[in-house]
């Protein structure tokens, strides 16, 4: 059974939206075209995880993945001094 894809919400760039973290941010429109199978997967996950819509779930997934990638990049660029300092802070050195 295929869930009908609702039209994207219309928002202007100055509309404040409440994000799951509770922080107010300005939102900007971004339209992503996904095939029906991906939309169905998003819809199922959104429902099972308690999100109001597949779009809300997709926003959270993208935000989480970007946070992880940026964190990985910071770790990859850590210098030997950064690592030594961290190990000292943890009591290993």
Protein backbone atom coordinates (compact mmCIF):
# COMPACT_ATOMS: atom_id res chain seq x y z
CA UNK A 1 0.00 0.00 0.00
CA UNK A 2 1.48 3.32 -1.05
CA UNK A 3 0.97 6.36 1.15
CA UNK A 4 -0.18 9.40 -0.77
CA UNK A 5 2.55 11.99 -0.81
CA UNK A 6 1.21 15.27 0.59
CA UNK A 7 2.22 18.51 -1.06
CA UNK A 8 5.23 20.16 0.57
CA UNK A 9 4.30 22.74 3.19
CA UNK A 10 4.49 26.29 1.97
CA UNK A 11 6.71 28.50 4.13
CA UNK A 12 8.48 31.71 3.38
CA UNK A 13 12.12 32.17 4.34
CA UNK A 14 11.27 34.28 7.38
CA UNK A 15 8.93 31.83 9.08
CA UNK A 16 10.22 30.58 12.43
CA UNK A 17 9.68 26.88 13.05
CA UNK A 18 10.13 24.92 16.25
CA UNK A 19 12.74 22.25 15.77
CA UNK A 20 12.70 19.03 17.86
CA UNK A 21 15.40 20.51 20.13
CA UNK A 22 13.08 23.43 20.92
CA UNK A 23 15.39 26.02 19.33
CA UNK A 24 13.80 28.65 17.10
CA UNK A 25 15.41 29.01 13.69
CA UNK A 26 14.55 30.66 10.43
CA UNK A 27 13.50 28.10 7.85
CA UNK A 28 14.26 28.07 4.17
CA UNK A 29 12.54 26.01 1.52
CA UNK A 30 14.39 23.03 0.10
CA UNK A 31 12.68 20.59 -2.18
CA UNK A 32 14.17 17.11 -2.50
CA UNK A 33 12.82 14.75 -5.11
CA UNK A 34 12.79 11.19 -3.82
CA UNK A 35 11.39 8.12 -5.49
CA UNK A 36 8.28 6.42 -4.14
CA UNK A 37 10.24 3.62 -2.45
CA UNK A 38 12.40 6.07 -0.47
CA UNK A 39 9.35 8.12 0.46
CA UNK A 40 7.62 4.96 1.72
CA UNK A 41 10.66 4.07 3.83
CA UNK A 42 10.73 7.59 5.28
CA UNK A 43 6.98 7.45 5.98
CA UNK A 44 7.25 4.08 7.77
CA UNK A 45 10.22 5.20 9.88
CA UNK A 46 8.58 8.54 10.67
CA UNK A 47 5.44 6.83 11.92
CA UNK A 48 7.31 4.18 13.93
CA UNK A 49 9.52 6.83 15.55
CA UNK A 50 6.64 9.17 16.41
CA UNK A 51 7.36 11.96 13.93
CA UNK A 52 4.49 14.03 12.60
CA UNK A 53 5.53 13.59 8.97
CA UNK A 54 8.12 12.00 6.70
CA UNK A 55 9.45 15.53 6.09
CA UNK A 56 10.08 16.08 9.81
CA UNK A 57 11.82 12.71 10.02
CA UNK A 58 13.96 13.45 6.93
CA UNK A 59 14.99 16.79 8.48
CA UNK A 60 16.12 15.03 11.66
CA UNK A 61 18.00 12.33 9.73
CA UNK A 62 19.84 14.88 7.58
CA UNK A 63 20.69 17.02 10.61
CA UNK A 64 22.00 13.99 12.54
CA UNK A 65 24.12 12.74 9.64
CA UNK A 66 25.63 16.18 9.05
CA UNK A 67 26.45 16.52 12.77
CA UNK A 68 28.20 13.13 12.69
CA UNK A 69 30.15 13.98 9.53
CA UNK A 70 31.27 17.32 10.95
CA UNK A 71 32.30 15.66 14.21
CA UNK A 72 34.30 13.05 12.26
CA UNK A 73 36.01 15.85 10.31
CA UNK A 74 36.99 17.62 13.54
CA UNK A 75 38.44 14.40 14.93
CA UNK A 76 40.32 13.74 11.68
CA UNK A 77 41.98 17.15 11.85
CA UNK A 78 43.04 16.85 15.50
CA UNK A 79 46.76 17.46 15.96
CA UNK A 80 49.09 15.31 18.05
CA UNK A 81 48.97 18.04 20.71
CA UNK A 82 45.16 17.87 20.74
CA UNK A 83 45.29 14.10 21.20
CA UNK A 84 47.94 14.36 23.93
CA UNK A 85 45.89 17.02 25.74
CA UNK A 86 42.75 14.90 25.52
CA UNK A 87 44.57 11.83 26.85
CA UNK A 88 45.97 13.91 29.71
CA UNK A 89 42.47 15.23 30.50
CA UNK A 90 41.25 11.65 30.65
CA UNK A 91 44.12 10.69 32.98
CA UNK A 92 45.93 8.37 30.59
CA UNK A 93 49.11 10.49 30.44
